[in-house]
Amino acid sequence: MDTHTQTAVTLWPALRYTDAPAAIRFLTAAFGFTEALVVPGEADGAIAHAELGWPPGGG
């Protein structure tokens, strides 16, 4: 019998939006995501980086 250990795979999806603030509003309202981190960009109202959390139980 062949025995081997299998490690868990981690996946980090990344998406780009032309209107990040609107995307964050939509994803939090429609699917229950939570804002984990939002880093402002250089332009007024821009977002340089954002991380959204998936709520326990799948939203």
PDB file of N, CA and C in Angstrom:
ATOM      1  N   MET A   1       0.843  -1.180   0.000  1.00  0.00           N
ATOM      2  CA  MET A   1       0.000   0.000   0.000  1.00  0.00           C
ATOM      3  C   MET A   1       0.887   1.241   0.000  1.00  0.00           C
ATOM      4  N   ASP A   2       0.605   2.147  -0.903  1.00  0.00           N
ATOM      5  CA  ASP A   2       1.381   3.386  -1.018  1.00  0.00           C
ATOM      6  C   ASP A   2       0.743   4.453  -0.131  1.00  0.00           C
ATOM      7  N   THR A   3       1.518   4.991   0.812  1.00  0.00           N
ATOM      8  CA  THR A   3       1.015   6.015   1.718  1.00  0.00           C
ATOM      9  C   THR A   3       1.806   7.302   1.514  1.00  0.00           C
ATOM     10  N   HIS A   4       1.099   8.405   1.364  1.00  0.00           N
ATOM     11  CA  HIS A   4       1.762   9.706   1.251  1.00  0.00           C
ATOM     12  C   HIS A   4       0.916  10.755   1.956  1.00  0.00           C
ATOM     13  N   THR A   5       1.578  11.813   2.345  1.00  0.00           N
ATOM     14  CA  THR A   5       0.903  12.904   3.038  1.00  0.00           C
ATOM     15  C   THR A   5       0.537  13.977   2.026  1.00  0.00           C
ATOM     16  N   GLN A   6      -0.676  14.459   2.126  1.00  0.00           N
ATOM     17  CA  GLN A   6      -1.133  15.507   1.230  1.00  0.00           C
ATOM     18  C   GLN A   6      -1.334  16.790   2.033  1.00  0.00           C
ATOM     19  N   THR A   7      -0.746  17.877   1.561  1.00  0.00           N
ATOM     20  CA  THR A   7      -0.883  19.153   2.266  1.00  0.00           C
ATOM     21  C   THR A   7      -2.054  19.945   1.689  1.00  0.00           C
ATOM     22  N   ALA A   8      -2.630  20.780   2.513  1.00  0.00           N
ATOM     23  CA  ALA A   8      -3.748  21.619   2.076  1.00  0.00           C
ATOM     24  C   ALA A   8      -3.246  22.709   1.142  1.00  0.00           C
ATOM     25  N   VAL A   9      -4.051  23.052   0.179  1.00  0.00           N
ATOM     26  CA  VAL A   9      -3.712  24.089  -0.786  1.00  0.00           C
ATOM     27  C   VAL A   9      -4.427  25.376  -0.382  1.00  0.00           C
ATOM     28  N   THR A  10      -3.706  26.486  -0.436  1.00  0.00           N
ATOM     29  CA  THR A  10      -4.284  27.791  -0.132  1.00  0.00           C
ATOM     30  C   THR A  10      -4.462  28.558  -1.433  1.00  0.00           C
ATOM     31  N   LEU A  11      -5.603  29.162  -1.599  1.00  0.00           N
ATOM     32  CA  LEU A  11      -5.907  29.925  -2.798  1.00  0.00           C
ATOM     33  C   LEU A  11      -6.222  31.366  -2.407  1.00  0.00           C
ATOM     34  N   TRP A  12      -5.576  32.317  -3.074  1.00  0.00           N
ATOM     35  CA  TRP A  12      -5.812  33.740  -2.823  1.00  0.00           C
ATOM     36  C   TRP A  12      -6.285  34.388  -4.126  1.00  0.00           C
ATOM     37  N   PRO A  13      -7.591  34.445  -4.354  1.00  0.00           N
ATOM     38  CA  PRO A  13      -8.066  35.081  -5.582  1.00  0.00           C
ATOM     39  C   PRO A  13      -7.813  36.586  -5.543  1.00  0.00           C
ATOM     40  N   ALA A  14      -7.482  37.139  -6.685  1.00  0.00           N
ATOM     41  CA  ALA A  14      -7.237  38.580  -6.779  1.00  0.00           C
ATOM     42  C   ALA A  14      -8.018  39.128  -7.967  1.00  0.00           C
ATOM     43  N   LEU A  15      -8.733  40.200  -7.745  1.00  0.00           N
ATOM     44  CA  LEU A  15      -9.524  40.839  -8.792  1.00  0.00           C
ATOM     45  C   LEU A  15      -9.140  42.307  -8.884  1.00  0.00           C
ATOM     46  N   ARG A  16      -9.262  42.869 -10.089  1.00  0.00           N
ATOM     47  CA  ARG A  16      -8.997  44.292 -10.293  1.00  0.00           C
ATOM     48  C   ARG A  16     -10.278  44.953 -10.775  1.00  0.00           C
ATOM     49  N   TYR A  17     -10.543  46.138 -10.267  1.00  0.00           N
ATOM     50  CA  TYR A  17     -11.747  46.876 -10.641  1.00  0.00           C
ATOM     51  C   TYR A  17     -11.365  48.297 -11.032  1.00  0.00           C
ATOM     52  N   THR A  18     -12.091  48.865 -11.983  1.00  0.00           N
ATOM     53  CA  THR A  18     -11.860  50.271 -12.321  1.00  0.00           C
ATOM     54  C   THR A  18     -12.490  51.187 -11.279  1.00  0.00           C
ATOM     55  N   ASP A  19     -13.511  50.701 -10.573  1.00  0.00           N
ATOM     56  CA  ASP A  19     -14.159  51.468  -9.501  1.00  0.00           C
ATOM     57  C   ASP A  19     -14.182  50.597  -8.243  1.00  0.00           C
ATOM     58  N   ALA A  20     -13.050  50.554  -7.556  1.00  0.00           N
ATOM     59  CA  ALA A  20     -12.916  49.689  -6.376  1.00  0.00           C
ATOM     60  C   ALA A  20     -13.906  50.035  -5.263  1.00  0.00           C
ATOM     61  N   PRO A  21     -14.145  51.308  -4.952  1.00  0.00           N
ATOM     62  CA  PRO A  21     -15.120  51.603  -3.899  1.00  0.00           C
ATOM     63  C   PRO A  21     -16.512  51.031  -4.210  1.00  0.00           C
ATOM     64  N   ALA A  22     -16.943  51.132  -5.466  1.00  0.00           N
ATOM     65  CA  ALA A  22     -18.245  50.581  -5.856  1.00  0.00           C
ATOM     66  C   ALA A  22     -18.237  49.058  -5.758  1.00  0.00           C
ATOM     67  N   ALA A  23     -17.140  48.438  -6.142  1.00  0.00           N
ATOM     68  CA  ALA A  23     -17.032  46.981  -6.060  1.00  0.00           C
ATOM     69  C   ALA A  23     -17.104  46.513  -4.610  1.00  0.00           C
ATOM     70  N   ILE A  24     -16.443  47.229  -3.723  1.00  0.00           N
ATOM     71  CA  ILE A  24     -16.470  46.867  -2.299  1.00  0.00           C
ATOM     72  C   ILE A  24     -17.886  47.015  -1.749  1.00  0.00           C
ATOM     73  N   ARG A  25     -18.552  48.106  -2.107  1.00  0.00           N
ATOM     74  CA  ARG A  25     -19.938  48.293  -1.657  1.00  0.00           C
ATOM     75  C   ARG A  25     -20.829  47.152  -2.155  1.00  0.00           C
ATOM     76  N   PHE A  26     -20.673  46.787  -3.419  1.00  0.00           N
ATOM     77  CA  PHE A  26     -21.481  45.711  -3.993  1.00  0.00           C
ATOM     78  C   PHE A  26     -21.190  44.372  -3.318  1.00  0.00           C
ATOM     79  N   LEU A  27     -19.927  44.010  -3.184  1.00  0.00           N
ATOM     80  CA  LEU A  27     -19.568  42.708  -2.615  1.00  0.00           C
ATOM     81  C   LEU A  27     -19.976  42.576  -1.150  1.00  0.00           C
ATOM     82  N   THR A  28     -19.884  43.673  -0.400  1.00  0.00           N
ATOM     83  CA  THR A  28     -20.298  43.604   1.006  1.00  0.00           C
ATOM     84  C   THR A  28     -21.821  43.530   1.130  1.00  0.00           C
ATOM     85  N   ALA A  29     -22.543  44.274   0.283  1.00  0.00           N
ATOM     86  CA  ALA A  29     -24.008  44.274   0.358  1.00  0.00           C
ATOM     87  C   ALA A  29     -24.618  42.996  -0.219  1.00  0.00           C
ATOM     88  N   ALA A  30     -24.104  42.547  -1.356  1.00  0.00           N
ATOM     89  CA  ALA A  30     -24.720  41.417  -2.057  1.00  0.00           C
ATOM     90  C   ALA A  30     -24.327  40.059  -1.489  1.00  0.00           C
ATOM     91  N   PHE A  31     -23.084  39.921  -1.038  1.00  0.00           N
ATOM     92  CA  PHE A  31     -22.586  38.604  -0.647  1.00  0.00           C
ATOM     93  C   PHE A  31     -22.128  38.504   0.802  1.00  0.00           C
ATOM     94  N   GLY A  32     -22.180  39.617   1.525  1.00  0.00           N
ATOM     95  CA  GLY A  32     -21.827  39.573   2.938  1.00  0.00           C
ATOM     96  C   GLY A  32     -20.343  39.621   3.249  1.00  0.00           C
ATOM     97  N   PHE A  33     -19.518  39.990   2.254  1.00  0.00           N
ATOM     98  CA  PHE A  33     -18.094  40.148   2.546  1.00  0.00           C
ATOM     99  C   PHE A  33     -17.917  41.243   3.594  1.00  0.00           C
ATOM    100  N   THR A  34     -16.798  41.220   4.295  1.00  0.00           N
ATOM    101  CA  THR A  34     -16.478  42.266   5.259  1.00  0.00           C
ATOM    102  C   THR A  34     -15.169  42.923   4.842  1.00  0.00           C
ATOM    103  N   GLU A  35     -15.055  44.212   5.103  1.00  0.00           N
ATOM    104  CA  GLU A  35     -13.815  44.928   4.790  1.00  0.00           C
ATOM    105  C   GLU A  35     -12.771  44.572   5.834  1.00  0.00           C
ATOM    106  N   ALA A  36     -11.730  43.864   5.420  1.00  0.00           N
ATOM    107  CA  ALA A  36     -10.652  43.501   6.332  1.00  0.00           C
ATOM    108  C   ALA A  36      -9.545  44.555   6.300  1.00  0.00           C
ATOM    109  N   LEU A  37      -9.273  45.106   5.115  1.00  0.00           N
ATOM    110  CA  LEU A  37      -8.209  46.101   4.956  1.00  0.00           C
ATOM    111  C   LEU A  37      -8.512  46.931   3.719  1.00  0.00           C
ATOM    112  N   VAL A  38      -8.458  48.239   3.848  1.00  0.00           N
ATOM    113  CA  VAL A  38      -8.616  49.137   2.703  1.00  0.00           C
ATOM    114  C   VAL A  38      -7.524  50.197   2.797  1.00  0.00           C
ATOM    115  N   VAL A  39      -6.642  50.218   1.795  1.00  0.00           N
ATOM    116  CA  VAL A  39      -5.525  51.170   1.758  1.00  0.00           C
ATOM    117  C   VAL A  39      -5.845  52.234   0.710  1.00  0.00           C
ATOM    118  N   PRO A  40      -5.962  53.495   1.120  1.00  0.00           N
ATOM    119  CA  PRO A  40      -6.266  54.563   0.161  1.00  0.00           C
ATOM    120  C   PRO A  40      -5.161  54.714  -0.881  1.00  0.00           C
ATOM    121  N   GLY A  41      -5.568  55.101  -2.092  1.00  0.00           N
ATOM    122  CA  GLY A  41      -4.611  55.363  -3.160  1.00  0.00           C
ATOM    123  C   GLY A  41      -4.224  56.829  -3.192  1.00  0.00           C
ATOM    124  N   GLU A  42      -3.438  57.192  -4.196  1.00  0.00           N
ATOM    125  CA  GLU A  42      -2.964  58.577  -4.303  1.00  0.00           C
ATOM    126  C   GLU A  42      -4.053  59.524  -4.797  1.00  0.00           C
ATOM    127  N   ALA A  43      -4.873  59.063  -5.728  1.00  0.00           N
ATOM    128  CA  ALA A  43      -5.944  59.915  -6.263  1.00  0.00           C
ATOM    129  C   ALA A  43      -7.094  59.987  -5.261  1.00  0.00           C
ATOM    130  N   ASP A  44      -7.846  61.069  -5.332  1.00  0.00           N
ATOM    131  CA  ASP A  44      -8.970  61.263  -4.416  1.00  0.00           C
ATOM    132  C   ASP A  44      -9.996  60.140  -4.582  1.00  0.00           C
ATOM    133  N   GLY A  45     -10.276  59.424  -3.524  1.00  0.00           N
ATOM    134  CA  GLY A  45     -11.251  58.341  -3.549  1.00  0.00           C
ATOM    135  C   GLY A  45     -10.737  57.018  -4.072  1.00  0.00           C
ATOM    136  N   ALA A  46      -9.490  56.992  -4.526  1.00  0.00           N
ATOM    137  CA  ALA A  46      -8.926  55.755  -5.073  1.00  0.00           C
ATOM    138  C   ALA A  46      -8.550  54.790  -3.953  1.00  0.00           C
ATOM    139  N   ILE A  47      -8.505  53.515  -4.283  1.00  0.00           N
ATOM    140  CA  ILE A  47      -8.079  52.488  -3.338  1.00  0.00           C
ATOM    141  C   ILE A  47      -6.884  51.769  -3.951  1.00  0.00           C
ATOM    142  N   ALA A  48      -5.762  51.772  -3.241  1.00  0.00           N
ATOM    143  CA  ALA A  48      -4.548  51.128  -3.729  1.00  0.00           C
ATOM    144  C   ALA A  48      -4.595  49.618  -3.520  1.00  0.00           C
ATOM    145  N   HIS A  49      -5.188  49.192  -2.407  1.00  0.00           N
ATOM    146  CA  HIS A  49      -5.246  47.764  -2.073  1.00  0.00           C
ATOM    147  C   HIS A  49      -6.394  47.548  -1.105  1.00  0.00           C
ATOM    148  N   ALA A  50      -7.097  46.448  -1.283  1.00  0.00           N
ATOM    149  CA  ALA A  50      -8.177  46.110  -0.356  1.00  0.00           C
ATOM    150  C   ALA A  50      -8.237  44.602  -0.174  1.00  0.00           C
ATOM    151  N   GLU A  51      -8.605  44.197   1.019  1.00  0.00           N
ATOM    152  CA  GLU A  51      -8.807  42.784   1.317  1.00  0.00           C
ATOM    153  C   GLU A  51     -10.182  42.639   1.955  1.00  0.00           C
ATOM    154  N   LEU A  52     -10.962  41.724   1.416  1.00  0.00           N
ATOM    155  CA  LEU A  52     -12.294  41.466   1.941  1.00  0.00           C
ATOM    156  C   LEU A  52     -12.314  40.093   2.587  1.00  0.00           C
ATOM    157  N   GLY A  53     -13.050  39.983   3.675  1.00  0.00           N
ATOM    158  CA  GLY A  53     -13.164  38.708   4.368  1.00  0.00           C
ATOM    159  C   GLY A  53     -14.470  38.018   4.020  1.00  0.00           C
ATOM    160  N   TRP A  54     -14.411  36.695   3.927  1.00  0.00           N
ATOM    161  CA  TRP A  54     -15.601  35.892   3.686  1.00  0.00           C
ATOM    162  C   TRP A  54     -16.141  35.474   5.038  1.00  0.00           C
ATOM    163  N   PRO A  55     -17.383  35.814   5.354  1.00  0.00           N
ATOM    164  CA  PRO A  55     -17.913  35.540   6.688  1.00  0.00           C
ATOM    165  C   PRO A  55     -18.076  34.044   6.958  1.00  0.00           C
ATOM    166  N   PRO A  56     -17.978  33.639   8.208  1.00  0.00           N
ATOM    167  CA  PRO A  56     -18.207  32.237   8.555  1.00  0.00           C
ATOM    168  C   PRO A  56     -19.597  31.792   8.093  1.00  0.00           C
ATOM    169  N   GLY A  57     -19.678  30.610   7.549  1.00  0.00           N
ATOM    170  CA  GLY A  57     -20.958  30.110   7.068  1.00  0.00           C
ATOM    171  C   GLY A  57     -21.264  30.491   5.635  1.00  0.00           C
ATOM    172  N   GLY A  58     -20.379  31.254   4.998  1.00  0.00           N
ATOM    173  CA  GLY A  58     -20.531  31.548   3.578  1.00  0.00           C
ATOM    174  C   GLY A  58     -21.409  32.719   3.201  1.00  0.00           C
ATOM    175  N   GLY A  59     -21.713  33.597   4.128  1.00  0.00           N
ATOM    176  CA  GLY A  59     -22.419  34.822   3.791  1.00  0.00           C
ATOM    177  C   GLY A  59     -23.901  34.711   3.704  1.00  0.00           C
TER     178      GLY A  59
END
